[in-house]
PDB file of N, CA and C in Angstrom:
ATOM      1  N   MET A   1     -16.313  39.052-164.012  1.00  0.00           N
ATOM      2  CA  MET A   1     -15.609  38.702-162.802  1.00  0.00           C
ATOM      3  C   MET A   1     -16.419  39.183-161.604  1.00  0.00           C
ATOM      4  N   ALA A   2     -16.515  38.341-160.591  1.00  0.00           N
ATOM      5  CA  ALA A   2     -17.303  38.661-159.406  1.00  0.00           C
ATOM      6  C   ALA A   2     -16.582  39.713-158.565  1.00  0.00           C
ATOM      7  N   PRO A   3     -17.344  40.552-157.843  1.00  0.00           N
ATOM      8  CA  PRO A   3     -16.695  41.532-156.973  1.00  0.00           C
ATOM      9  C   PRO A   3     -15.937  40.829-155.853  1.00  0.00           C
ATOM     10  N   GLN A   4     -14.782  41.387-155.512  1.00  0.00           N
ATOM     11  CA  GLN A   4     -13.952  40.751-154.496  1.00  0.00           C
ATOM     12  C   GLN A   4     -14.498  41.012-153.101  1.00  0.00           C
ATOM     13  N   ALA A   5     -14.336  40.007-152.239  1.00  0.00           N
ATOM     14  CA  ALA A   5     -14.741  40.149-150.844  1.00  0.00           C
ATOM     15  C   ALA A   5     -13.715  41.027-150.132  1.00  0.00           C
ATOM     16  N   PRO A   6     -14.137  41.722-149.066  1.00  0.00           N
ATOM     17  CA  PRO A   6     -13.184  42.578-148.349  1.00  0.00           C
ATOM     18  C   PRO A   6     -12.071  41.761-147.700  1.00  0.00           C
ATOM     19  N   LYS A   7     -10.905  42.359-147.604  1.00  0.00           N
ATOM     20  CA  LYS A   7      -9.746  41.704-146.982  1.00  0.00           C
ATOM     21  C   LYS A   7      -9.984  41.536-145.486  1.00  0.00           C
ATOM     22  N   THR A   8      -9.315  40.540-144.918  1.00  0.00           N
ATOM     23  CA  THR A   8      -9.521  40.255-143.495  1.00  0.00           C
ATOM     24  C   THR A   8      -8.327  40.629-142.626  1.00  0.00           C
ATOM     25  N   SER A   9      -7.250  41.099-143.236  1.00  0.00           N
ATOM     26  CA  SER A   9      -5.984  41.443-142.576  1.00  0.00           C
ATOM     27  C   SER A   9      -5.288  40.225-141.977  1.00  0.00           C
ATOM     28  N   LEU A  10      -5.696  39.033-142.395  1.00  0.00           N
ATOM     29  CA  LEU A  10      -5.009  37.807-141.992  1.00  0.00           C
ATOM     30  C   LEU A  10      -4.073  37.388-143.120  1.00  0.00           C
ATOM     31  N   ALA A  11      -3.002  36.693-142.762  1.00  0.00           N
ATOM     32  CA  ALA A  11      -2.010  36.300-143.752  1.00  0.00           C
ATOM     33  C   ALA A  11      -2.425  35.066-144.543  1.00  0.00           C
ATOM     34  N   MET A  12      -3.495  34.400-144.149  1.00  0.00           N
ATOM     35  CA  MET A  12      -3.927  33.205-144.875  1.00  0.00           C
ATOM     36  C   MET A  12      -5.444  33.158-144.960  1.00  0.00           C
ATOM     37  N   GLY A  13      -5.959  32.304-145.799  1.00  0.00           N
ATOM     38  CA  GLY A  13      -7.401  32.172-145.965  1.00  0.00           C
ATOM     39  C   GLY A  13      -7.852  32.729-147.304  1.00  0.00           C
ATOM     40  N   LEU A  14      -9.152  32.703-147.534  1.00  0.00           N
ATOM     41  CA  LEU A  14      -9.692  33.144-148.820  1.00  0.00           C
ATOM     42  C   LEU A  14      -9.495  34.635-149.062  1.00  0.00           C
ATOM     43  N   ASN A  15      -9.738  35.451-148.044  1.00  0.00           N
ATOM     44  CA  ASN A  15      -9.646  36.905-148.193  1.00  0.00           C
ATOM     45  C   ASN A  15      -8.418  37.461-147.496  1.00  0.00           C
ATOM     46  N   LYS A  16      -7.292  36.778-147.685  1.00  0.00           N
ATOM     47  CA  LYS A  16      -6.068  37.189-146.993  1.00  0.00           C
ATOM     48  C   LYS A  16      -5.572  38.525-147.537  1.00  0.00           C
ATOM     49  N   GLY A  17      -4.825  39.230-146.731  1.00  0.00           N
ATOM     50  CA  GLY A  17      -4.202  40.459-147.192  1.00  0.00           C
ATOM     51  C   GLY A  17      -4.401  41.622-146.248  1.00  0.00           C
ATOM     52  N   HIS A  18      -3.465  42.567-146.343  1.00  0.00           N
ATOM     53  CA  HIS A  18      -3.488  43.774-145.529  1.00  0.00           C
ATOM     54  C   HIS A  18      -4.596  44.701-146.022  1.00  0.00           C
ATOM     55  N   ILE A  19      -5.355  45.297-145.114  1.00  0.00           N
ATOM     56  CA  ILE A  19      -6.445  46.197-145.483  1.00  0.00           C
ATOM     57  C   ILE A  19      -5.871  47.569-145.813  1.00  0.00           C
ATOM     58  N   VAL A  20      -6.173  48.054-147.006  1.00  0.00           N
ATOM     59  CA  VAL A  20      -5.720  49.383-147.434  1.00  0.00           C
ATOM     60  C   VAL A  20      -6.907  50.128-148.038  1.00  0.00           C
ATOM     61  N   THR A  21      -6.806  51.462-148.053  1.00  0.00           N
ATOM     62  CA  THR A  21      -7.832  52.259-148.724  1.00  0.00           C
ATOM     63  C   THR A  21      -7.330  52.592-150.125  1.00  0.00           C
ATOM     64  N   LYS A  22      -8.190  52.425-151.112  1.00  0.00           N
ATOM     65  CA  LYS A  22      -7.818  52.658-152.500  1.00  0.00           C
ATOM     66  C   LYS A  22      -7.719  54.158-152.750  1.00  0.00           C
ATOM     67  N   ARG A  23      -6.612  54.579-153.393  1.00  0.00           N
ATOM     68  CA  ARG A  23      -6.410  55.994-153.696  1.00  0.00           C
ATOM     69  C   ARG A  23      -7.124  56.369-154.988  1.00  0.00           C
ATOM     70  N   GLU A  24      -7.737  57.552-154.987  1.00  0.00           N
ATOM     71  CA  GLU A  24      -8.350  58.080-156.202  1.00  0.00           C
ATOM     72  C   GLU A  24      -7.279  58.837-156.968  1.00  0.00           C
ATOM     73  N   LEU A  25      -6.842  58.294-158.079  1.00  0.00           N
ATOM     74  CA  LEU A  25      -5.799  58.930-158.868  1.00  0.00           C
ATOM     75  C   LEU A  25      -6.418  59.704-160.028  1.00  0.00           C
ATOM     76  N   PRO A  26      -5.782  60.808-160.433  1.00  0.00           N
ATOM     77  CA  PRO A  26      -6.308  61.540-161.593  1.00  0.00           C
ATOM     78  C   PRO A  26      -6.133  60.714-162.866  1.00  0.00           C
ATOM     79  N   ALA A  27      -6.936  61.031-163.880  1.00  0.00           N
ATOM     80  CA  ALA A  27      -6.860  60.293-165.141  1.00  0.00           C
ATOM     81  C   ALA A  27      -5.511  60.540-165.809  1.00  0.00           C
ATOM     82  N   ARG A  28      -4.930  59.479-166.337  1.00  0.00           N
ATOM     83  CA  ARG A  28      -3.637  59.596-167.006  1.00  0.00           C
ATOM     84  C   ARG A  28      -3.834  60.171-168.409  1.00  0.00           C
ATOM     85  N   PRO A  29      -2.843  60.888-168.898  1.00  0.00           N
ATOM     86  CA  PRO A  29      -2.968  61.441-170.255  1.00  0.00           C
ATOM     87  C   PRO A  29      -3.209  60.369-171.312  1.00  0.00           C
ATOM     88  N   SER A  30      -2.631  59.181-171.120  1.00  0.00           N
ATOM     89  CA  SER A  30      -2.803  58.121-172.113  1.00  0.00           C
ATOM     90  C   SER A  30      -4.243  57.621-172.159  1.00  0.00           C
ATOM     91  N   SER A  31      -4.950  57.683-171.033  1.00  0.00           N
ATOM     92  CA  SER A  31      -6.340  57.230-171.033  1.00  0.00           C
ATOM     93  C   SER A  31      -7.280  58.322-171.539  1.00  0.00           C
ATOM     94  N   ARG A  32      -6.817  59.573-171.532  1.00  0.00           N
ATOM     95  CA  ARG A  32      -7.632  60.679-172.031  1.00  0.00           C
ATOM     96  C   ARG A  32      -7.394  60.935-173.517  1.00  0.00           C
ATOM     97  N   LYS A  33      -6.389  60.285-174.096  1.00  0.00           N
ATOM     98  CA  LYS A  33      -6.014  60.535-175.488  1.00  0.00           C
ATOM     99  C   LYS A  33      -7.180  60.229-176.425  1.00  0.00           C
ATOM    100  N   GLY A  34      -7.443  61.125-177.335  1.00  0.00           N
ATOM    101  CA  GLY A  34      -8.511  60.925-178.299  1.00  0.00           C
ATOM    102  C   GLY A  34      -9.848  61.486-177.862  1.00  0.00           C
ATOM    103  N   GLU A  35      -9.957  61.912-176.624  1.00  0.00           N
ATOM    104  CA  GLU A  35     -11.209  62.476-176.118  1.00  0.00           C
ATOM    105  C   GLU A  35     -11.363  63.888-176.671  1.00  0.00           C
ATOM    106  N   LEU A  36     -12.529  64.193-177.209  1.00  0.00           N
ATOM    107  CA  LEU A  36     -12.759  65.484-177.836  1.00  0.00           C
ATOM    108  C   LEU A  36     -12.958  66.564-176.778  1.00  0.00           C
ATOM    109  N   GLY A  37     -12.158  67.625-176.856  1.00  0.00           N
ATOM    110  CA  GLY A  37     -12.259  68.729-175.918  1.00  0.00           C
ATOM    111  C   GLY A  37     -13.403  69.664-176.287  1.00  0.00           C
ATOM    112  N   THR A  38     -13.828  70.480-175.342  1.00  0.00           N
ATOM    113  CA  THR A  38     -14.960  71.380-175.586  1.00  0.00           C
ATOM    114  C   THR A  38     -14.590  72.456-176.605  1.00  0.00           C
ATOM    115  N   ARG A  39     -13.377  72.996-176.497  1.00  0.00           N
ATOM    116  CA  ARG A  39     -12.943  74.040-177.427  1.00  0.00           C
ATOM    117  C   ARG A  39     -12.841  73.497-178.851  1.00  0.00           C
ATOM    118  N   THR A  40     -12.261  72.317-178.986  1.00  0.00           N
ATOM    119  CA  THR A  40     -12.095  71.714-180.307  1.00  0.00           C
ATOM    120  C   THR A  40     -13.448  71.447-180.955  1.00  0.00           C
ATOM    121  N   SER A  41     -14.388  70.908-180.168  1.00  0.00           N
ATOM    122  CA  SER A  41     -15.713  70.619-180.724  1.00  0.00           C
ATOM    123  C   SER A  41     -16.419  71.911-181.132  1.00  0.00           C
ATOM    124  N   PHE A  42     -16.248  72.970-180.343  1.00  0.00           N
ATOM    125  CA  PHE A  42     -16.857  74.259-180.674  1.00  0.00           C
ATOM    126  C   PHE A  42     -16.295  74.807-181.978  1.00  0.00           C
ATOM    127  N   VAL A  43     -14.962  74.749-182.124  1.00  0.00           N
ATOM    128  CA  VAL A  43     -14.314  75.266-183.334  1.00  0.00           C
ATOM    129  C   VAL A  43     -14.757  74.471-184.558  1.00  0.00           C
ATOM    130  N   ARG A  44     -14.849  73.152-184.425  1.00  0.00           N
ATOM    131  CA  ARG A  44     -15.281  72.312-185.553  1.00  0.00           C
ATOM    132  C   ARG A  44     -16.713  72.637-185.971  1.00  0.00           C
ATOM    133  N   LYS A  45     -17.600  72.836-184.980  1.00  0.00           N
ATOM    134  CA  LYS A  45     -18.988  73.184-185.295  1.00  0.00           C
ATOM    135  C   LYS A  45     -19.064  74.539-185.996  1.00  0.00           C
ATOM    136  N   LEU A  46     -18.254  75.486-185.526  1.00  0.00           N
ATOM    137  CA  LEU A  46     -18.234  76.821-186.108  1.00  0.00           C
ATOM    138  C   LEU A  46     -17.764  76.776-187.558  1.00  0.00           C
ATOM    139  N   ILE A  47     -16.713  76.018-187.824  1.00  0.00           N
ATOM    140  CA  ILE A  47     -16.195  75.894-189.188  1.00  0.00           C
ATOM    141  C   ILE A  47     -17.210  75.192-190.077  1.00  0.00           C
ATOM    142  N   ARG A  48     -17.840  74.136-189.562  1.00  0.00           N
ATOM    143  CA  ARG A  48     -18.853  73.399-190.333  1.00  0.00           C
ATOM    144  C   ARG A  48     -20.005  74.327-190.711  1.00  0.00           C
ATOM    145  N   GLU A  49     -20.372  75.214-189.775  1.00  0.00           N
ATOM    146  CA  GLU A  49     -21.458  76.154-190.022  1.00  0.00           C
ATOM    147  C   GLU A  49     -21.087  77.151-191.112  1.00  0.00           C
ATOM    148  N   GLY A  50     -19.838  77.607-191.102  1.00  0.00           N
ATOM    149  CA  GLY A  50     -19.408  78.611-192.070  1.00  0.00           C
ATOM    150  C   GLY A  50     -19.083  78.038-193.434  1.00  0.00           C
ATOM    151  N   VAL A  51     -18.440  76.880-193.463  1.00  0.00           N
ATOM    152  CA  VAL A  51     -17.932  76.317-194.711  1.00  0.00           C
ATOM    153  C   VAL A  51     -18.933  75.366-195.357  1.00  0.00           C
ATOM    154  N   GLY A  52     -19.644  74.604-194.550  1.00  0.00           N
ATOM    155  CA  GLY A  52     -20.596  73.640-195.094  1.00  0.00           C
ATOM    156  C   GLY A  52     -19.958  72.281-195.287  1.00  0.00           C
ATOM    157  N   PHE A  53     -20.549  71.477-196.175  1.00  0.00           N
ATOM    158  CA  PHE A  53     -20.093  70.111-196.388  1.00  0.00           C
ATOM    159  C   PHE A  53     -19.192  70.016-197.609  1.00  0.00           C
ATOM    160  N   ALA A  54     -18.310  69.023-197.585  1.00  0.00           N
ATOM    161  CA  ALA A  54     -17.466  68.715-198.738  1.00  0.00           C
ATOM    162  C   ALA A  54     -18.338  68.053-199.808  1.00  0.00           C
ATOM    163  N   PRO A  55     -17.902  68.075-201.071  1.00  0.00           N
ATOM    164  CA  PRO A  55     -18.714  67.464-202.134  1.00  0.00           C
ATOM    165  C   PRO A  55     -19.059  65.993-201.889  1.00  0.00           C
ATOM    166  N   TYR A  56     -18.111  65.211-201.366  1.00  0.00           N
ATOM    167  CA  TYR A  56     -18.412  63.799-201.121  1.00  0.00           C
ATOM    168  C   TYR A  56     -19.432  63.641-199.986  1.00  0.00           C
ATOM    169  N   GLU A  57     -19.425  64.578-199.022  1.00  0.00           N
ATOM    170  CA  GLU A  57     -20.410  64.538-197.938  1.00  0.00           C
ATOM    171  C   GLU A  57     -21.805  64.883-198.472  1.00  0.00           C
ATOM    172  N   LYS A  58     -21.862  65.818-199.408  1.00  0.00           N
ATOM    173  CA  LYS A  58     -23.142  66.145-200.044  1.00  0.00           C
ATOM    174  C   LYS A  58     -23.661  64.945-200.819  1.00  0.00           C
ATOM    175  N   HIS A  59     -22.753  64.230-201.470  1.00  0.00           N
ATOM    176  CA  HIS A  59     -23.127  63.031-202.225  1.00  0.00           C
ATOM    177  C   HIS A  59     -23.709  61.969-201.286  1.00  0.00           C
ATOM    178  N   ILE A  60     -23.101  61.817-200.113  1.00  0.00           N
ATOM    179  CA  ILE A  60     -23.585  60.846-199.121  1.00  0.00           C
ATOM    180  C   ILE A  60     -24.997  61.218-198.661  1.00  0.00           C
ATOM    181  N   THR A  61     -25.238  62.507-198.407  1.00  0.00           N
ATOM    182  CA  THR A  61     -26.574  62.924-197.972  1.00  0.00           C
ATOM    183  C   THR A  61     -27.610  62.711-199.077  1.00  0.00           C
ATOM    184  N   GLU A  62     -27.204  62.909-200.341  1.00  0.00           N
ATOM    185  CA  GLU A  62     -28.118  62.645-201.459  1.00  0.00           C
ATOM    186  C   GLU A  62     -28.474  61.164-201.527  1.00  0.00           C
ATOM    187  N   LEU A  63     -27.496  60.303-201.265  1.00  0.00           N
ATOM    188  CA  LEU A  63     -27.755  58.865-201.261  1.00  0.00           C
ATOM    189  C   LEU A  63     -28.723  58.489-200.142  1.00  0.00           C
ATOM    190  N   PHE A  64     -28.620  59.166-199.001  1.00  0.00           N
ATOM    191  CA  PHE A  64     -29.563  58.917-197.905  1.00  0.00           C
ATOM    192  C   PHE A  64     -30.988  59.279-198.327  1.00  0.00           C
ATOM    193  N   LYS A  65     -31.115  60.379-199.066  1.00  0.00           N
ATOM    194  CA  LYS A  65     -32.441  60.853-199.455  1.00  0.00           C
ATOM    195  C   LYS A  65     -33.156  59.872-200.376  1.00  0.00           C
ATOM    196  N   VAL A  66     -32.380  59.119-201.175  1.00  0.00           N
ATOM    197  CA  VAL A  66     -32.993  58.129-202.075  1.00  0.00           C
ATOM    198  C   VAL A  66     -32.896  56.717-201.500  1.00  0.00           C
ATOM    199  N   ARG A  67     -32.692  56.617-200.183  1.00  0.00           N
ATOM    200  CA  ARG A  67     -32.696  55.341-199.450  1.00  0.00           C
ATOM    201  C   ARG A  67     -31.595  54.379-199.891  1.00  0.00           C
ATOM    202  N   LYS A  68     -30.413  54.910-200.186  1.00  0.00           N
ATOM    203  CA  LYS A  68     -29.278  54.064-200.564  1.00  0.00           C
ATOM    204  C   LYS A  68     -28.245  54.102-199.437  1.00  0.00           C
ATOM    205  N   ASP A  69     -28.642  53.622-198.252  1.00  0.00           N
ATOM    206  CA  ASP A  69     -27.782  53.690-197.072  1.00  0.00           C
ATOM    207  C   ASP A  69     -26.502  52.882-197.253  1.00  0.00           C
ATOM    208  N   LYS A  70     -26.645  51.692-197.829  1.00  0.00           N
ATOM    209  CA  LYS A  70     -25.473  50.829-198.003  1.00  0.00           C
ATOM    210  C   LYS A  70     -24.474  51.464-198.973  1.00  0.00           C
ATOM    211  N   ARG A  71     -24.993  52.058-200.029  1.00  0.00           N
ATOM    212  CA  ARG A  71     -24.134  52.724-201.007  1.00  0.00           C
ATOM    213  C   ARG A  71     -23.449  53.934-200.366  1.00  0.00           C
ATOM    214  N   ALA A  72     -24.168  54.640-199.496  1.00  0.00           N
ATOM    215  CA  ALA A  72     -23.596  55.798-198.803  1.00  0.00           C
ATOM    216  C   ALA A  72     -22.422  55.368-197.934  1.00  0.00           C
ATOM    217  N   LEU A  73     -22.575  54.234-197.257  1.00  0.00           N
ATOM    218  CA  LEU A  73     -21.476  53.715-196.436  1.00  0.00           C
ATOM    219  C   LEU A  73     -20.290  53.344-197.309  1.00  0.00           C
ATOM    220  N   LYS A  74     -20.556  52.743-198.469  1.00  0.00           N
ATOM    221  CA  LYS A  74     -19.473  52.368-199.384  1.00  0.00           C
ATOM    222  C   LYS A  74     -18.716  53.600-199.880  1.00  0.00           C
ATOM    223  N   VAL A  75     -19.453  54.663-200.204  1.00  0.00           N
ATOM    224  CA  VAL A  75     -18.825  55.900-200.669  1.00  0.00           C
ATOM    225  C   VAL A  75     -17.958  56.492-199.567  1.00  0.00           C
ATOM    226  N   ALA A  76     -18.494  56.534-198.348  1.00  0.00           N
ATOM    227  CA  ALA A  76     -17.740  57.088-197.213  1.00  0.00           C
ATOM    228  C   ALA A  76     -16.488  56.263-196.955  1.00  0.00           C
ATOM    229  N   LYS A  77     -16.631  54.959-197.002  1.00  0.00           N
ATOM    230  CA  LYS A  77     -15.494  54.063-196.759  1.00  0.00           C
ATOM    231  C   LYS A  77     -14.423  54.257-197.826  1.00  0.00           C
ATOM    232  N   ARG A  78     -14.853  54.381-199.063  1.00  0.00           N
ATOM    233  CA  ARG A  78     -13.910  54.555-200.170  1.00  0.00           C
ATOM    234  C   ARG A  78     -13.151  55.876-200.048  1.00  0.00           C
ATOM    235  N   ARG A  79     -13.867  56.934-199.654  1.00  0.00           N
ATOM    236  CA  ARG A  79     -13.240  58.254-199.573  1.00  0.00           C
ATOM    237  C   ARG A  79     -12.313  58.397-198.367  1.00  0.00           C
ATOM    238  N   LEU A  80     -12.664  57.719-197.259  1.00  0.00           N
ATOM    239  CA  LEU A  80     -11.921  57.923-196.014  1.00  0.00           C
ATOM    240  C   LEU A  80     -10.890  56.838-195.725  1.00  0.00           C
ATOM    241  N   GLY A  81     -10.936  55.729-196.451  1.00  0.00           N
ATOM    242  CA  GLY A  81      -9.859  54.750-196.335  1.00  0.00           C
ATOM    243  C   GLY A  81     -10.139  53.522-195.502  1.00  0.00           C
ATOM    244  N   THR A  82     -10.855  53.652-194.384  1.00  0.00           N
ATOM    245  CA  THR A  82     -11.104  52.487-193.535  1.00  0.00           C
ATOM    246  C   THR A  82     -12.596  52.357-193.245  1.00  0.00           C
ATOM    247  N   HIS A  83     -12.982  51.151-192.875  1.00  0.00           N
ATOM    248  CA  HIS A  83     -14.392  50.871-192.582  1.00  0.00           C
ATOM    249  C   HIS A  83     -14.871  51.669-191.368  1.00  0.00           C
ATOM    250  N   LEU A  84     -14.034  51.739-190.325  1.00  0.00           N
ATOM    251  CA  LEU A  84     -14.441  52.454-189.106  1.00  0.00           C
ATOM    252  C   LEU A  84     -14.638  53.943-189.365  1.00  0.00           C
ATOM    253  N   ARG A  85     -13.714  54.552-190.109  1.00  0.00           N
ATOM    254  CA  ARG A  85     -13.867  55.971-190.433  1.00  0.00           C
ATOM    255  C   ARG A  85     -15.102  56.194-191.292  1.00  0.00           C
ATOM    256  N   GLY A  86     -15.339  55.269-192.215  1.00  0.00           N
ATOM    257  CA  GLY A  86     -16.519  55.358-193.065  1.00  0.00           C
ATOM    258  C   GLY A  86     -17.805  55.265-192.267  1.00  0.00           C
ATOM    259  N   LYS A  87     -17.836  54.332-191.296  1.00  0.00           N
ATOM    260  CA  LYS A  87     -19.019  54.180-190.448  1.00  0.00           C
ATOM    261  C   LYS A  87     -19.273  55.443-189.634  1.00  0.00           C
ATOM    262  N   LYS A  88     -18.185  56.013-189.112  1.00  0.00           N
ATOM    263  CA  LYS A  88     -18.319  57.221-188.293  1.00  0.00           C
ATOM    264  C   LYS A  88     -18.871  58.387-189.122  1.00  0.00           C
ATOM    265  N   LYS A  89     -18.333  58.549-190.333  1.00  0.00           N
ATOM    266  CA  LYS A  89     -18.803  59.618-191.220  1.00  0.00           C
ATOM    267  C   LYS A  89     -20.246  59.358-191.656  1.00  0.00           C
ATOM    268  N   HIS A  90     -20.577  58.096-191.901  1.00  0.00           N
ATOM    269  CA  HIS A  90     -21.935  57.680-192.275  1.00  0.00           C
ATOM    270  C   HIS A  90     -22.929  58.102-191.194  1.00  0.00           C
ATOM    271  N   GLU A  91     -22.581  57.809-189.928  1.00  0.00           N
ATOM    272  CA  GLU A  91     -23.444  58.190-188.800  1.00  0.00           C
ATOM    273  C   GLU A  91     -23.544  59.711-188.673  1.00  0.00           C
ATOM    274  N   GLU A  92     -22.419  60.394-188.861  1.00  0.00           N
ATOM    275  CA  GLU A  92     -22.391  61.851-188.740  1.00  0.00           C
ATOM    276  C   GLU A  92     -23.283  62.505-189.798  1.00  0.00           C
ATOM    277  N   MET A  93     -23.202  62.010-191.031  1.00  0.00           N
ATOM    278  CA  MET A  93     -24.008  62.565-192.117  1.00  0.00           C
ATOM    279  C   MET A  93     -25.497  62.244-191.922  1.00  0.00           C
ATOM    280  N   PHE A  94     -25.781  61.054-191.392  1.00  0.00           N
ATOM    281  CA  PHE A  94     -27.171  60.676-191.133  1.00  0.00           C
ATOM    282  C   PHE A  94     -27.768  61.580-190.055  1.00  0.00           C
ATOM    283  N   ALA A  95     -26.958  61.913-189.044  1.00  0.00           N
ATOM    284  CA  ALA A  95     -27.420  62.799-187.969  1.00  0.00           C
ATOM    285  C   ALA A  95     -27.605  64.230-188.472  1.00  0.00           C
ATOM    286  N   ALA A  96     -26.830  64.619-189.500  1.00  0.00           N
ATOM    287  CA  ALA A  96     -26.906  65.983-190.021  1.00  0.00           C
ATOM    288  C   ALA A  96     -28.190  66.229-190.812  1.00  0.00           C
ATOM    289  N   LEU A  97     -28.827  65.159-191.285  1.00  0.00           N
ATOM    290  CA  LEU A  97     -30.073  65.323-192.064  1.00  0.00           C
ATOM    291  C   LEU A  97     -31.233  65.799-191.216  1.00  0.00           C
TER     292      LEU A  97
END
């Protein structure tokens, strides 16, 4: 969509309408939902460092080592239930190598 032309404060014409200044509103909680917080990410990294990987995650990394990327995605998808979750875990494990 093309950027709108400025209003002219006239009641008719192409750019009709009263001129107003747009208010900067804070982000709504619904638009922030799902965004990872700094504390949560820190705690997750700390736990990952202490506990390590789950057996299925180790299996995925082994599949990466023998160049079975597609099979690794299938394993992740099967274990996590959905394709999107599997893709996300696949990327996460690939980055961990």
